[in-house]
Amino acid sequence: MKELTCVVIGGGYAGIHAVKAIQKRLQNKQALRVILINAKPYHVKKVLLFKPAAQETPIKVPLKQIFPEDVDIVQGNVFSVDYIKKSIAIRNDKEEQQQINYDFLVIAAGSSFQQLIEVRGGISLSSYENAQRIRQQWLNNLRIAKETKDPMERKRLLTIAVAGAGISGIETSAYLAEQVRNTAESNDFNLEEVRVLLINSKERLFVDGPKKLSGKLEKRLNKLGVKVIHDEKVVRVKEGKVDLENGNSIPTGLCIWTTGLIPNPNLASWGLPLTEDGRLVVDSSYRVKGMDSIYSIGDCARIIDPSTGVEDKMTCKEATIQARRLGKVIRADIYQKKAPVHQTPITTYCFGLGEKKGLVWVALPKLDLYLSGKIGYWIRKTTWDIASLVK
């Protein structure tokens, strides 16, 4: 039996689950070599970036720990794909180049933050290193505020703005408010002075869900000390102020961006078909349009349910479900069987709302189901662990 080589690009949620799914569907059926290519030797729990922004929390998992055997892990960045010769070229941190041949290729290159965000000032919650910068910033602001005699400067230093009120912004503001207030209280600050502002461009939180969900989220945030500002956008951060689109400014000691997610910009140089917003064009079974034996899932692909026309969101939940189906698709294609097609899962969203509290919303056919408090947090934590293959 000829050994097939499967190359997976990307060690994020979609990539690591694709490796697991392909191994599961082909083990004992097909001689297989799996190669996982990632820029770093570790997987980052990106959905937990808000945690090291608030307190010392490890969120990097070595890929060798996730795949101790049967997977070749190659560190580097892909800079070209030759779909005729079925090979890719990668470059590592030492500028050394390597060519790898494949029988089938899975592109799970994920997403990144727009560089424009950094130009506007503030810090984007886009990496572990930035999360650490955020934590150091608010800790430094607390130290300086404790010594300052100027009440207006003290108020500015104790104000944190979170720009962007999607799931990331909601979870970041909740966890940060809780941890900052705990630290401030232990240092004898008046908690009324500590402000965390969540700037939301929509008329309510999480408009993809019902108004009742929005109300529950805001009520919990308020309880943690977060003030939500609706129908407003941050334009820039400059000279200790957050400038809003309406012309007003808010003096702040720190502004955190949780917006601006885009498909991996490296895709543009690989010669593959892309949508206008830079995602790979795939069919209902995740095959890249017009390409032999190339598949794509996760944030870097535009994936649509053919029966409903509903497009998957750029979340780890969708990526892990796509990966499980991809294993079946590749097995079917290898053995020339009918492949399964994409189906949108039941609408379910989980929110971490501070330490040990969470909220889950499930849109059932005839009712909305809500689970909150500790059980909501347990479900949310379970989804985090499953996404990063934590046992």
Protein backbone atom coordinates (compact mmCIF):
# COMPACT_ATOMS: atom_id res chain seq x y z
CA MET A 1 0.00 0.00 0.00
CA LYS A 2 1.44 3.35 -1.05
CA GLU A 3 2.03 5.80 1.81
CA LEU A 4 0.14 9.05 1.35
CA THR A 5 1.46 12.35 2.66
CA CYS A 6 -1.00 14.79 4.20
CA VAL A 7 0.27 18.30 4.88
CA VAL A 8 -1.71 20.56 7.21
CA ILE A 9 -0.84 24.25 7.26
CA GLY A 10 -1.62 25.94 10.57
CA GLY A 11 -1.42 24.90 14.21
CA GLY A 12 -4.53 26.77 15.33
CA TYR A 13 -7.88 25.24 16.25
CA ALA A 14 -8.78 24.15 12.71
CA GLY A 15 -5.32 22.73 12.04
CA ILE A 16 -4.88 20.58 15.13
CA HIS A 17 -8.40 19.19 14.84
CA ALA A 18 -7.87 18.46 11.14
CA VAL A 19 -4.80 16.38 12.01
CA LYS A 20 -6.76 14.42 14.63
CA ALA A 21 -9.73 13.86 12.32
CA ILE A 22 -7.61 12.70 9.37
CA GLN A 23 -5.66 10.30 11.55
CA LYS A 24 -8.86 8.92 13.03
CA ARG A 25 -10.56 8.34 9.67
CA LEU A 26 -7.53 6.81 7.93
CA GLN A 27 -5.81 4.85 10.70
CA ASN A 28 -5.60 1.11 9.99
CA LYS A 29 -6.97 1.81 6.50
CA GLN A 30 -4.21 3.70 4.76
CA ALA A 31 -0.43 4.13 5.20
CA LEU A 32 -0.21 7.79 6.09
CA ARG A 33 2.38 10.43 6.88
CA VAL A 34 1.02 13.61 8.46
CA ILE A 35 3.05 16.84 8.44
CA LEU A 36 1.86 19.84 10.44
CA ILE A 37 3.40 23.19 9.49
CA ASN A 38 3.21 26.12 11.87
CA ALA A 39 5.17 29.33 12.32
CA LYS A 40 5.81 28.51 15.98
CA PRO A 41 6.42 25.19 17.77
CA TYR A 42 3.32 25.67 19.87
CA HIS A 43 -0.45 26.09 19.64
CA VAL A 44 -1.86 29.30 21.13
CA LYS A 45 -5.26 29.21 22.83
CA LYS A 46 -6.30 32.40 21.05
CA VAL A 47 -9.78 32.51 22.55
CA LEU A 48 -8.11 32.82 25.98
CA LEU A 49 -5.89 35.80 25.15
CA PHE A 50 -7.93 37.89 27.59
CA LYS A 51 -6.62 35.81 30.51
CA PRO A 52 -2.90 36.73 30.34
CA ALA A 53 -4.06 40.33 29.76
CA ALA A 54 -5.53 40.20 33.26
CA GLN A 55 -3.29 37.79 35.19
CA GLU A 56 -0.33 35.48 34.59
CA THR A 57 -1.83 32.59 32.61
CA PRO A 58 -0.07 30.10 30.29
CA ILE A 59 -1.95 29.70 27.00
CA LYS A 60 0.74 28.15 24.82
CA VAL A 61 0.72 24.39 24.30
CA PRO A 62 3.73 22.73 22.59
CA LEU A 63 2.59 20.96 19.44
CA LYS A 64 4.79 18.01 20.46
CA GLN A 65 2.66 17.75 23.59
CA ILE A 66 -0.54 17.59 21.53
CA PHE A 67 1.02 15.20 19.00
CA PRO A 68 3.78 13.26 20.80
CA GLU A 69 4.03 10.76 17.94
CA ASP A 70 2.87 9.98 14.41
CA VAL A 71 2.94 13.64 13.32
CA ASP A 72 5.94 15.44 11.81
CA ILE A 73 5.93 19.02 13.05
CA VAL A 74 7.75 21.51 10.84
CA GLN A 75 8.30 25.08 12.01
CA GLY A 76 8.14 27.75 9.33
CA ASN A 77 6.00 29.97 7.12
CA VAL A 78 4.60 28.85 3.78
CA PHE A 79 5.48 31.32 1.01
CA SER A 80 4.32 29.44 -2.08
CA VAL A 81 2.08 26.57 -3.17
CA ASP A 82 2.75 24.68 -6.40
CA TYR A 83 -0.56 22.94 -7.01
CA ILE A 84 0.65 21.37 -10.25
CA LYS A 85 3.68 19.63 -8.71
CA LYS A 86 1.81 19.22 -5.41
CA SER A 87 4.48 20.86 -3.29
CA ILE A 88 4.79 23.80 -0.92
CA ALA A 89 7.78 25.95 -0.04
CA ILE A 90 8.40 27.12 3.51
CA ARG A 91 10.89 29.43 5.18
CA ASN A 92 11.92 29.25 8.84
CA ASP A 93 13.14 31.96 11.23
CA LYS A 94 16.72 31.47 9.99
CA GLU A 95 15.58 32.19 6.40
CA GLU A 96 16.28 28.57 5.48
CA GLN A 97 13.96 27.24 2.78
CA GLN A 98 12.46 23.80 2.44
CA GLN A 99 10.20 22.13 -0.11
CA ILE A 100 7.61 19.59 0.99
CA ASN A 101 5.59 17.39 -1.35
CA TYR A 102 2.04 16.33 -0.55
CA ASP A 103 -0.66 13.99 -1.76
CA PHE A 104 -3.34 16.12 -0.18
CA LEU A 105 -3.08 19.51 1.46
CA VAL A 106 -5.21 21.09 4.17
CA ILE A 107 -5.00 24.86 4.54
CA ALA A 108 -6.01 25.95 8.03
CA ALA A 109 -3.96 29.13 8.10
CA GLY A 110 -6.41 31.00 10.33
CA SER A 111 -6.73 34.74 10.72
CA SER A 112 -4.85 37.77 12.01
CA PHE A 113 -5.49 41.36 13.04
CA GLN A 114 -5.37 44.28 10.63
CA GLN A 115 -2.16 46.27 10.95
CA LEU A 116 -4.27 49.44 10.78
CA ILE A 117 -5.35 48.79 14.36
CA GLU A 118 -1.82 49.38 15.68
CA VAL A 119 -1.51 52.61 13.68
CA ARG A 120 -4.57 53.97 15.48
CA GLY A 121 -2.87 53.59 18.85
CA GLY A 122 -3.75 51.38 21.78
CA ILE A 123 -2.92 47.67 21.96
CA SER A 124 -4.69 44.94 20.00
CA LEU A 125 -5.47 41.70 21.81
CA SER A 126 -3.90 39.79 18.95
CA SER A 127 -1.05 37.81 20.52
CA TYR A 128 0.25 36.44 23.79
CA GLU A 129 2.94 39.11 23.78
CA ASN A 130 0.34 41.87 23.39
CA ALA A 131 -1.73 40.36 26.18
CA GLN A 132 1.31 40.62 28.44
CA ARG A 133 1.81 44.24 27.36
CA ILE A 134 -1.78 45.00 28.30
CA ARG A 135 -1.31 43.49 31.76
CA GLN A 136 1.89 45.42 32.39
CA GLN A 137 0.21 48.63 31.22
CA TRP A 138 -2.71 48.52 33.64
CA LEU A 139 -0.48 47.38 36.50
CA ASN A 140 1.85 50.33 35.82
CA ASN A 141 -1.15 52.65 35.64
CA LEU A 142 -2.29 51.49 39.08
CA ARG A 143 1.15 52.15 40.54
CA ILE A 144 1.32 55.64 39.04
CA ALA A 145 -2.27 56.45 40.04
CA LYS A 146 -1.49 55.55 43.64
CA GLU A 147 1.16 58.26 43.74
CA THR A 148 -0.41 61.03 41.68
CA LYS A 149 -2.00 64.07 43.34
CA ASP A 150 -3.92 65.19 40.24
CA PRO A 151 -7.50 63.80 40.48
CA MET A 152 -8.12 64.07 36.71
CA GLU A 153 -4.91 62.23 35.89
CA ARG A 154 -5.77 59.60 38.47
CA LYS A 155 -9.19 59.13 36.86
CA ARG A 156 -7.59 58.77 33.42
CA LEU A 157 -5.06 56.19 34.63
CA LEU A 158 -7.82 54.12 36.22
CA THR A 159 -9.94 54.05 33.03
CA ILE A 160 -9.64 51.17 30.57
CA ALA A 161 -11.47 51.14 27.24
CA VAL A 162 -12.16 47.97 25.26
CA ALA A 163 -12.87 48.75 21.60
CA GLY A 164 -15.10 46.11 20.04
CA ALA A 165 -17.97 44.29 21.72
CA GLY A 166 -18.01 40.91 20.01
CA ILE A 167 -17.48 37.76 22.06
CA SER A 168 -13.80 38.62 22.54
CA GLY A 169 -14.59 42.15 23.72
CA ILE A 170 -17.30 40.94 26.09
CA GLU A 171 -15.08 38.27 27.65
CA THR A 172 -12.08 40.60 27.82
CA SER A 173 -13.94 43.42 29.54
CA ALA A 174 -15.58 41.02 32.02
CA TYR A 175 -12.41 39.23 33.06
CA LEU A 176 -10.30 42.37 33.05
CA ALA A 177 -12.78 44.34 35.15
CA GLU A 178 -12.86 41.58 37.74
CA GLN A 179 -9.10 41.19 37.99
CA VAL A 180 -8.28 44.91 37.87
CA ARG A 181 -10.85 45.68 40.56
CA ASN A 182 -9.54 42.85 42.75
CA THR A 183 -5.99 44.19 42.42
CA ALA A 184 -7.13 47.77 43.03
CA GLU A 185 -9.07 46.75 46.13
CA SER A 186 -6.05 44.94 47.59
CA ASN A 187 -4.08 48.18 47.09
CA ASP A 188 -6.68 50.30 48.93
CA PHE A 189 -8.19 52.01 45.88
CA ASN A 190 -11.77 53.21 45.91
CA LEU A 191 -13.46 50.83 43.45
CA GLU A 192 -15.71 53.64 42.25
CA GLU A 193 -12.61 55.13 40.63
CA VAL A 194 -11.85 52.06 38.50
CA ARG A 195 -13.67 52.18 35.16
CA VAL A 196 -13.78 49.60 32.37
CA LEU A 197 -15.64 50.84 29.28
CA LEU A 198 -16.81 48.50 26.52
CA ILE A 199 -17.30 50.45 23.27
CA ASN A 200 -19.96 48.78 21.12
CA SER A 201 -20.68 49.89 17.55
CA LYS A 202 -24.13 48.24 17.60
CA GLU A 203 -27.34 49.27 19.35
CA ARG A 204 -27.05 46.33 21.77
CA LEU A 205 -24.64 43.55 22.67
CA PHE A 206 -24.38 40.53 20.38
CA VAL A 207 -27.01 41.43 17.80
CA ASP A 208 -26.76 37.91 16.31
CA GLY A 209 -28.77 36.74 19.31
CA PRO A 210 -32.12 37.75 20.86
CA LYS A 211 -32.59 40.92 22.91
CA LYS A 212 -32.98 38.82 26.04
CA LEU A 213 -29.45 37.50 25.57
CA SER A 214 -28.14 41.05 25.10
CA GLY A 215 -29.83 42.09 28.33
CA LYS A 216 -28.40 39.17 30.28
CA LEU A 217 -24.89 39.91 29.02
CA GLU A 218 -25.06 43.60 29.87
CA LYS A 219 -26.53 42.93 33.31
CA ARG A 220 -23.63 40.62 34.16
CA LEU A 221 -21.06 43.07 32.79
CA ASN A 222 -22.57 45.90 34.82
CA LYS A 223 -22.33 43.75 37.93
CA LEU A 224 -18.61 43.28 37.28
CA GLY A 225 -18.10 47.02 36.89
CA VAL A 226 -18.18 47.31 33.10
CA LYS A 227 -20.02 50.21 31.50
CA VAL A 228 -21.20 49.52 27.94
CA ILE A 229 -21.32 52.43 25.48
CA HIS A 230 -23.58 51.53 22.54
CA ASP A 231 -23.78 52.91 18.98
CA GLU A 232 -20.25 54.24 19.08
CA LYS A 233 -16.87 53.49 17.53
CA VAL A 234 -13.31 54.26 18.55
CA VAL A 235 -11.52 56.18 15.81
CA ARG A 236 -8.07 56.49 17.35
CA VAL A 237 -6.13 56.51 20.60
CA LYS A 238 -3.84 59.48 21.04
CA GLU A 239 -2.23 61.43 23.87
CA GLY A 240 -4.04 59.58 26.64
CA LYS A 241 -7.48 59.88 25.04
CA VAL A 242 -9.84 57.65 23.09
CA ASP A 243 -11.38 59.61 20.23
CA LEU A 244 -14.89 58.48 19.31
CA GLU A 245 -16.62 58.70 15.94
CA ASN A 246 -19.14 61.24 17.30
CA GLY A 247 -16.31 63.69 18.03
CA ASN A 248 -16.16 63.11 21.78
CA SER A 249 -13.04 61.97 23.60
CA ILE A 250 -12.59 59.89 26.75
CA PRO A 251 -9.38 60.22 28.79
CA THR A 252 -8.04 56.68 29.25
CA GLY A 253 -4.94 55.02 30.60
CA LEU A 254 -5.31 52.02 28.29
CA CYS A 255 -7.29 51.11 25.17
CA ILE A 256 -7.56 47.48 24.04
CA TRP A 257 -8.70 46.61 20.51
CA THR A 258 -10.66 43.38 20.07
CA THR A 259 -11.77 44.14 16.49
CA GLY A 260 -10.22 43.91 13.04
CA LEU A 261 -9.96 40.13 12.45
CA ILE A 262 -9.09 39.25 8.83
CA PRO A 263 -8.17 36.00 7.00
CA ASN A 264 -4.45 35.22 6.97
CA PRO A 265 -2.98 37.78 4.51
CA ASN A 266 -0.32 35.28 3.34
CA LEU A 267 -3.02 33.51 1.34
CA ALA A 268 -2.89 36.29 -1.26
CA SER A 269 0.56 35.14 -2.45
CA TRP A 270 -0.25 31.46 -2.88
CA GLY A 271 -2.09 31.69 -6.19
CA LEU A 272 -5.31 30.15 -4.91
CA PRO A 273 -8.87 31.44 -5.53
CA LEU A 274 -9.96 33.99 -2.94
CA THR A 275 -13.14 35.87 -2.09
CA GLU A 276 -13.15 39.66 -2.06
CA ASP A 277 -12.38 39.67 1.66
CA GLY A 278 -9.41 37.32 1.23
CA ARG A 279 -10.82 33.90 2.17
CA LEU A 280 -10.33 30.74 0.16
CA VAL A 281 -13.18 29.70 -2.13
CA VAL A 282 -14.25 26.16 -1.28
CA ASP A 283 -17.12 23.86 -2.23
CA SER A 284 -19.57 22.30 0.20
CA SER A 285 -17.01 19.61 1.10
CA TYR A 286 -14.18 22.07 1.82
CA ARG A 287 -12.32 21.44 -1.47
CA VAL A 288 -10.57 24.54 -2.77
CA LYS A 289 -12.17 25.55 -6.06
CA GLY A 290 -10.31 24.30 -9.13
CA MET A 291 -7.53 22.67 -7.10
CA ASP A 292 -6.78 18.97 -6.94
CA SER A 293 -6.47 17.50 -3.43
CA ILE A 294 -6.42 20.86 -1.64
CA TYR A 295 -8.89 21.55 1.18
CA SER A 296 -9.44 24.46 3.53
CA ILE A 297 -11.35 25.03 6.78
CA GLY A 298 -11.46 27.55 9.60
CA ASP A 299 -11.12 31.33 9.51
CA CYS A 300 -9.26 31.36 6.18
CA ALA A 301 -12.09 29.74 4.19
CA ARG A 302 -15.58 30.92 3.23
CA ILE A 303 -17.80 28.01 4.18
CA ILE A 304 -21.52 27.98 3.40
CA ASP A 305 -24.23 25.46 4.20
CA PRO A 306 -25.54 24.49 0.71
CA SER A 307 -29.03 23.72 2.01
CA THR A 308 -29.59 27.01 3.85
CA GLY A 309 -27.07 29.48 2.43
CA VAL A 310 -25.90 30.23 5.98
CA GLU A 311 -22.22 31.16 6.22
CA ASP A 312 -20.10 29.88 9.10
CA LYS A 313 -18.65 32.43 11.52
CA MET A 314 -14.94 32.79 12.21
CA THR A 315 -14.93 30.98 15.57
CA CYS A 316 -13.13 27.96 17.00
CA LYS A 317 -16.47 26.15 17.43
CA GLU A 318 -17.11 26.17 13.68
CA ALA A 319 -13.49 25.24 12.94
CA THR A 320 -13.52 22.13 15.12
CA ILE A 321 -16.82 20.90 13.65
CA GLN A 322 -15.54 21.48 10.11
CA ALA A 323 -12.37 19.54 10.93
CA ARG A 324 -14.28 16.49 12.09
CA ARG A 325 -16.25 16.43 8.85
CA LEU A 326 -13.11 17.06 6.80
CA GLY A 327 -11.64 13.75 7.98
CA LYS A 328 -14.66 11.97 6.48
CA VAL A 329 -14.41 14.02 3.27
CA ILE A 330 -10.76 13.15 2.67
CA ARG A 331 -11.40 9.47 3.37
CA ALA A 332 -14.29 9.50 0.89
CA ASP A 333 -12.19 11.24 -1.76
CA ILE A 334 -9.31 8.79 -1.36
CA TYR A 335 -11.62 5.82 -1.84
CA GLN A 336 -13.74 7.61 -4.47
CA LYS A 337 -16.89 7.50 -2.38
CA LYS A 338 -19.57 10.14 -1.94
CA ALA A 339 -18.27 12.81 0.45
CA PRO A 340 -20.38 14.46 3.15
CA VAL A 341 -21.27 18.12 2.72
CA HIS A 342 -21.14 20.96 5.18
CA GLN A 343 -24.02 21.50 7.57
CA THR A 344 -24.43 24.44 9.92
CA PRO A 345 -24.56 23.23 13.52
CA ILE A 346 -27.26 24.21 16.01
CA THR A 347 -26.78 27.86 16.93
CA THR A 348 -24.94 27.83 20.25
CA TYR A 349 -22.83 30.55 21.82
CA CYS A 350 -20.88 30.48 25.06
CA PHE A 351 -19.54 33.49 26.97
CA GLY A 352 -17.02 33.54 29.80
CA LEU A 353 -18.11 36.34 32.13
CA GLY A 354 -15.39 36.62 34.73
CA GLU A 355 -13.95 34.00 37.04
CA LYS A 356 -16.21 30.93 37.34
CA LYS A 357 -19.23 32.58 35.68
CA GLY A 358 -20.55 32.16 32.18
CA LEU A 359 -23.58 32.28 29.93
CA VAL A 360 -24.65 29.80 27.25
CA TRP A 361 -27.36 30.44 24.66
CA VAL A 362 -28.77 27.63 22.53
CA ALA A 363 -31.28 28.49 19.78
CA LEU A 364 -33.59 25.48 19.72
CA PRO A 365 -36.35 25.26 17.07
CA LYS A 366 -39.09 26.63 19.29
CA LEU A 367 -37.31 28.22 22.24
CA ASP A 368 -34.11 29.86 23.42
CA LEU A 369 -32.26 27.94 26.12
CA TYR A 370 -30.05 29.84 28.58
CA LEU A 371 -27.57 28.36 31.04
CA SER A 372 -25.77 30.77 33.34
CA GLY A 373 -23.60 31.02 36.44
CA LYS A 374 -21.22 28.18 37.30
CA ILE A 375 -22.78 25.69 34.89
CA GLY A 376 -22.50 28.28 32.11
CA TYR A 377 -18.83 28.74 32.95
CA TRP A 378 -18.24 24.95 33.10
CA ILE A 379 -19.69 24.56 29.61
CA ARG A 380 -17.61 27.48 28.35
CA LYS A 381 -14.43 26.05 29.89
CA THR A 382 -15.21 22.66 28.38
CA THR A 383 -15.49 24.23 24.93
CA TRP A 384 -12.13 25.97 25.46
CA ASP A 385 -10.48 22.69 26.47
CA ILE A 386 -11.99 20.71 23.60
CA ALA A 387 -10.92 23.39 21.11
CA SER A 388 -7.26 23.04 22.18
CA LEU A 389 -7.44 19.24 22.57
CA VAL A 390 -6.89 19.49 26.32
CA LYS A 391 -7.81 16.26 28.07
